Protein backbone atom coordinates (compact mmCIF):
# COMPACT_ATOMS: atom_id res chain seq x y z
CA MET A 1 -11.79 6.82 -16.97
CA GLN A 2 -14.25 4.85 -19.08
CA MET A 3 -17.39 4.76 -15.97
CA ASN A 4 -18.89 1.76 -14.94
CA ALA A 5 -15.58 -0.33 -16.28
CA SER A 6 -15.78 -4.25 -16.52
CA TYR A 7 -11.98 -5.71 -14.82
CA THR A 8 -11.69 -9.72 -14.61
CA SER A 9 -8.24 -10.02 -12.89
CA PHE A 10 -6.11 -8.34 -10.44
CA VAL A 11 -2.44 -8.48 -9.45
CA ALA A 12 -1.43 -6.77 -6.30
CA VAL A 13 2.20 -5.97 -6.34
CA GLY A 14 3.84 -4.44 -2.48
CA ASP A 15 4.38 -4.74 0.86
CA SER A 16 2.83 -4.43 3.86
CA PHE A 17 0.97 -1.57 2.55
CA THR A 18 -0.75 -4.33 -0.06
CA GLU A 19 -0.74 -6.88 2.18
CA GLY A 20 -3.58 -5.89 4.56
CA MET A 21 -1.34 -5.34 7.43
CA SER A 22 -2.94 -3.84 10.03
CA ASP A 23 -6.33 -5.03 9.40
CA ALA A 24 -6.43 -8.10 11.30
CA LEU A 25 -8.89 -10.67 10.95
CA PRO A 26 -10.64 -13.44 13.83
CA ASP A 27 -7.82 -15.76 12.86
CA GLY A 28 -5.13 -13.32 12.60
CA SER A 29 -4.57 -13.55 9.03
CA TYR A 30 -5.00 -9.64 7.59
CA ARG A 31 -6.76 -9.24 5.30
CA GLY A 32 -6.80 -5.22 3.41
CA TRP A 33 -7.66 -2.59 1.16
CA ALA A 34 -6.58 -5.71 -1.64
CA ASP A 35 -8.74 -8.08 -0.35
CA LEU A 36 -11.66 -5.62 0.16
CA LEU A 37 -11.68 -4.30 -3.97
CA ALA A 38 -11.02 -8.22 -4.84
CA ALA A 39 -14.05 -8.25 -3.42
CA ARG A 40 -16.18 -6.17 -5.04
CA LEU A 41 -14.33 -6.68 -8.32
CA ALA A 42 -15.68 -10.01 -8.25
CA ASP A 43 -19.06 -9.50 -7.28
CA ARG A 44 -19.86 -7.09 -10.35
CA GLU A 45 -17.54 -10.39 -12.48
CA PRO A 46 -18.45 -14.17 -12.58
CA GLY A 47 -15.21 -15.76 -12.41
CA PHE A 48 -13.17 -12.75 -11.67
CA ARG A 49 -9.36 -13.48 -10.43
CA TYR A 50 -7.15 -11.96 -7.42
CA ALA A 51 -3.37 -12.47 -6.75
CA ASN A 52 -2.05 -10.86 -3.91
CA LEU A 53 1.51 -11.11 -4.46
CA ALA A 54 2.50 -8.00 -1.83
CA VAL A 55 5.00 -9.37 1.67
CA ARG A 56 5.93 -7.23 4.12
CA GLY A 57 9.01 -5.01 4.43
CA LYS A 58 9.96 -5.47 1.34
CA LEU A 59 12.32 -3.02 -0.48
CA ILE A 60 11.73 -1.91 -4.10
CA GLY A 61 14.52 -4.38 -5.51
CA GLN A 62 13.07 -7.24 -4.03
CA ILE A 63 9.92 -6.19 -5.28
CA VAL A 64 11.12 -6.18 -8.44
CA ASP A 65 13.53 -9.33 -8.44
CA GLU A 66 10.76 -11.32 -6.43
CA GLN A 67 7.14 -10.16 -7.81
CA VAL A 68 6.95 -7.96 -10.68
CA GLY A 69 8.37 -10.38 -13.14
CA PRO A 70 5.52 -13.25 -11.99
CA ALA A 71 3.19 -10.54 -12.39
CA ALA A 72 3.69 -9.51 -15.35
CA ALA A 73 2.91 -13.20 -16.59
CA MET A 74 -0.20 -13.10 -15.43
CA GLY A 75 -1.60 -10.94 -17.53
CA ALA A 76 -4.64 -9.22 -15.29
CA ASP A 77 -6.38 -6.42 -16.18
CA VAL A 78 -5.77 -4.75 -13.77
CA VAL A 79 -2.63 -4.79 -11.75
CA THR A 80 -1.18 -2.43 -8.60
CA LEU A 81 1.87 -1.48 -7.64
CA VAL A 82 3.00 0.14 -5.00
CA GLY A 83 6.73 0.10 -3.23
CA GLY A 84 9.31 2.38 -2.56
CA LEU A 85 8.17 3.62 0.68
CA ASN A 86 9.98 1.28 3.21
CA ASP A 87 13.48 2.75 1.21
CA THR A 88 12.56 5.75 2.03
CA LEU A 89 12.73 4.62 5.80
CA ARG A 90 16.41 3.78 5.84
CA PRO A 91 19.13 5.49 7.95
CA LYS A 92 20.14 5.54 4.42
CA VAL A 93 18.52 5.44 0.87
CA ASP A 94 20.12 5.66 -2.33
CA MET A 95 16.88 6.90 -3.87
CA GLY A 96 18.55 7.41 -7.62
CA ARG A 97 18.59 3.76 -7.02
CA VAL A 98 15.38 3.48 -5.82
CA ARG A 99 13.71 5.49 -9.15
CA ASP A 100 15.34 3.10 -11.20
CA ARG A 101 13.86 0.26 -9.95
CA LEU A 102 10.95 2.10 -10.19
CA GLU A 103 10.82 2.56 -13.53
CA GLU A 104 12.10 -1.01 -14.05
CA ALA A 105 8.67 -1.95 -12.10
CA VAL A 106 6.50 0.06 -14.27
CA GLU A 107 8.23 -0.53 -17.76
CA ARG A 108 7.88 -4.61 -17.23
CA LEU A 109 3.79 -4.42 -16.05
CA ALA A 110 2.89 -1.33 -17.88
CA PRO A 111 2.52 -3.06 -21.61
CA ALA A 112 2.10 -6.69 -19.42
CA CYS A 113 -1.75 -5.41 -18.57
CA GLY A 114 -5.20 -3.67 -18.87
CA ARG A 115 -4.46 -1.09 -16.47
CA LEU A 116 -1.50 -0.14 -14.38
CA VAL A 117 -2.83 1.82 -11.03
CA LEU A 118 0.06 3.21 -8.80
CA MET A 119 -0.01 5.30 -5.48
CA ARG A 120 1.40 8.07 -3.27
CA SER A 121 0.98 6.53 -0.35
CA PRO A 122 -0.99 7.76 3.38
CA GLY A 123 1.42 8.94 5.38
CA ARG A 124 0.74 9.43 9.24
CA ASN A 125 1.53 12.98 10.53
CA GLY A 126 3.75 13.88 13.41
CA PRO A 127 7.36 13.80 13.37
CA VAL A 128 8.43 10.39 11.48
CA MET A 129 6.69 11.75 9.17
CA GLU A 130 8.37 15.39 9.30
CA ARG A 131 11.34 13.64 9.16
CA PHE A 132 11.31 11.88 6.41
CA ARG A 133 9.12 14.02 4.01
CA PRO A 134 11.11 15.11 1.44
CA ARG A 135 12.18 11.33 0.46
CA VAL A 136 8.99 10.51 0.69
CA GLU A 137 7.61 13.68 -1.83
CA GLN A 138 10.78 12.97 -4.30
CA LEU A 139 9.34 8.81 -4.43
CA PHE A 140 6.31 10.44 -5.32
CA SER A 141 7.10 12.96 -7.37
CA VAL A 142 9.71 9.91 -9.74
CA ILE A 143 5.52 8.43 -9.22
CA GLU A 144 4.45 10.99 -10.94
CA ASP A 145 6.47 10.74 -13.89
CA LEU A 146 6.32 7.18 -14.86
CA ALA A 147 2.71 7.36 -14.48
CA ALA A 148 1.83 9.92 -17.20
CA ARG A 149 5.03 8.61 -19.36
CA HIS A 150 3.80 5.05 -19.35
CA GLY A 151 -0.46 5.94 -18.88
CA ALA A 152 -0.41 4.50 -15.75
CA LEU A 153 -3.52 5.90 -12.65
CA VAL A 154 -1.83 7.27 -9.83
CA VAL A 155 -4.38 7.37 -7.51
CA ASP A 156 -3.40 10.30 -4.67
CA LEU A 157 -4.26 8.59 -0.96
CA TYR A 158 -1.04 11.37 0.76
CA GLY A 159 -3.63 14.28 -0.21
CA ALA A 160 -6.20 13.19 1.49
CA PRO A 161 -5.64 14.21 4.60
CA VAL A 162 -7.97 11.90 6.83
CA LEU A 163 -5.64 8.87 6.55
CA GLY A 164 -3.20 11.31 7.93
CA ASP A 165 -6.25 11.55 11.37
CA ALA A 166 -3.65 9.09 13.70
CA ARG A 167 -7.08 7.63 14.17
CA MET A 168 -6.77 5.81 10.68
CA TRP A 169 -3.39 4.16 11.97
CA ASP A 170 -2.97 0.96 14.73
CA VAL A 171 -0.83 0.54 17.30
CA ASP A 172 2.63 0.89 15.29
CA ARG A 173 1.47 3.30 14.00
CA LEU A 174 3.14 2.27 10.22
CA HIS A 175 0.11 0.66 9.25
CA LEU A 176 -3.47 1.09 8.30
CA THR A 177 -6.50 0.58 10.54
CA ALA A 178 -9.24 -1.84 9.00
CA GLU A 179 -11.04 2.11 8.65
CA GLY A 180 -8.09 3.04 6.81
CA HIS A 181 -8.09 0.09 4.06
CA ARG A 182 -11.88 0.02 3.59
CA ARG A 183 -10.93 3.72 2.69
CA VAL A 184 -7.85 2.91 0.52
CA ALA A 185 -10.35 0.39 -0.98
CA GLU A 186 -12.36 2.60 -1.98
CA ALA A 187 -10.34 5.18 -3.66
CA VAL A 188 -8.78 2.70 -5.79
CA TRP A 189 -12.59 1.10 -6.54
CA GLN A 190 -13.16 4.86 -7.81
CA ALA A 191 -9.29 5.73 -9.08
CA LEU A 192 -10.85 2.51 -11.37
CA GLY A 193 -14.00 4.56 -13.47
CA LEU A 194 -16.89 1.97 -10.70
CA PRO A 195 -19.38 3.90 -9.06
CA PRO A 196 -18.37 5.34 -5.95
CA ALA A 197 -20.55 4.81 -2.32
CA GLU A 198 -19.04 6.46 -0.53
CA ASP A 199 -16.70 9.98 -0.38
CA TRP A 200 -13.73 8.74 1.17
CA ARG A 201 -12.20 11.87 2.11
CA THR A 202 -14.47 12.81 4.52
CA PRO A 203 -12.98 13.69 7.75
CA LEU A 204 -13.84 11.66 11.23
CA PRO A 205 -15.99 13.70 13.79
CA PRO A 206 -13.58 15.85 16.09
CA ALA A 207 -10.37 13.51 17.88
CA ARG A 208 -11.53 13.78 22.05
CA PRO A 209 -8.62 15.49 23.70
CA ILE A 210 -6.22 12.89 25.62
CA PRO A 211 -4.84 13.76 28.19
CA TRP A 212 -0.95 14.66 28.94
CA ALA A 213 -0.17 11.59 30.27
CA ALA A 214 -2.30 8.45 28.82
CA ARG A 215 -0.58 9.82 25.76
CA ARG A 216 2.73 9.65 27.30
CA ALA A 217 2.40 6.52 28.13
CA GLU A 218 1.61 5.45 25.04
CA ASP A 219 4.55 6.19 23.92
CA VAL A 220 6.25 4.80 26.00
CA ARG A 221 4.30 2.10 24.96
CA PHE A 222 4.80 2.60 21.25
CA ALA A 223 8.65 2.34 21.72
CA ARG A 224 9.00 -0.14 23.95
CA GLN A 225 6.62 -2.90 21.45
CA HIS A 226 7.06 -1.57 17.70
CA LEU A 227 10.02 1.40 17.19
CA VAL A 228 12.98 -0.80 18.96
CA PRO A 229 11.96 -4.22 17.37
CA TRP A 230 12.14 -1.90 14.05
CA ILE A 231 14.99 0.17 14.14
CA ALA A 232 16.74 -3.32 15.99
CA ARG A 233 15.33 -5.83 12.62
CA ARG A 234 16.90 -2.56 10.78
CA LEU A 235 20.65 -2.56 12.64
CA THR A 236 20.62 -6.25 11.78
CA GLY A 237 19.81 -6.58 8.43
CA ARG A 238 16.84 -7.74 8.80
CA SER A 239 12.79 -7.35 7.97
CA SER A 240 9.71 -8.74 8.93
CA GLY A 241 8.94 -10.49 5.85
CA ASP A 242 12.37 -12.76 5.47
CA GLY A 243 11.16 -15.95 4.81
CA ARG A 244 6.96 -15.32 4.32
CA PRO A 245 5.55 -16.24 0.90
CA ALA A 246 2.89 -14.04 -0.68
CA LYS A 247 -0.51 -14.80 0.61
CA ARG A 248 -2.65 -15.80 -2.82
CA PRO A 249 0.43 -15.59 -5.56
CA GLU A 250 -1.33 -17.66 -7.76
CA LEU A 251 -3.81 -16.12 -9.85
CA LEU A 252 -7.11 -18.05 -8.99
CA PRO A 253 -11.21 -17.32 -8.90
CA TYR A 254 -11.59 -15.38 -5.79
CA SER A 255 -12.55 -16.91 -2.78
């Protein structure tokens, strides 16, 4: 990778991870790693343009059908594609179908942009990750293979223990905190050959022990406020992203 490379445009494709949940701004909107990365790239390049097509809750088939075509048409210097993890968290999933749709996305995006970036997404340590780990690692194997065949970069967030730390995750246990998003932005920045500002893999300080009663109360709040609604959406075929537009659907100067 060329060091201090120049990038004049960036398009982000994906789901809630790329939309920026749960890096909330004071007005209630979400920022996230892609916005943070775009801001840094814009500081280096006058006239820098940015689009973020990601929408929360999207499965890989929806990402391909709704986002890949517009992203390819933009002809950006950098395109990031992160998808498929929502599929692995469904009760039933056809991993062969996930692989085929990912391959379709990469085949369309790789020749249409200067640099395609894929990711091994981070995962919060705990029972949910352990249950779905075989599927997740199968997905990541597909991503590694596609990157090797199509000359894409892979940013390995899954292999960084600090991003598995529970303190890097919001109370919904599905989305990164602001600090987590900041570290992802730094990881992608470095993968693009740009000078590092820090070691994004640096562990957090040791955590203070949490009393058993406080942990159980937190589990109850999580189940009531986040887990039960998530299960209800799965059972009814609804998504948190239904009817929601992308926050930056056009490749325009960053501001």
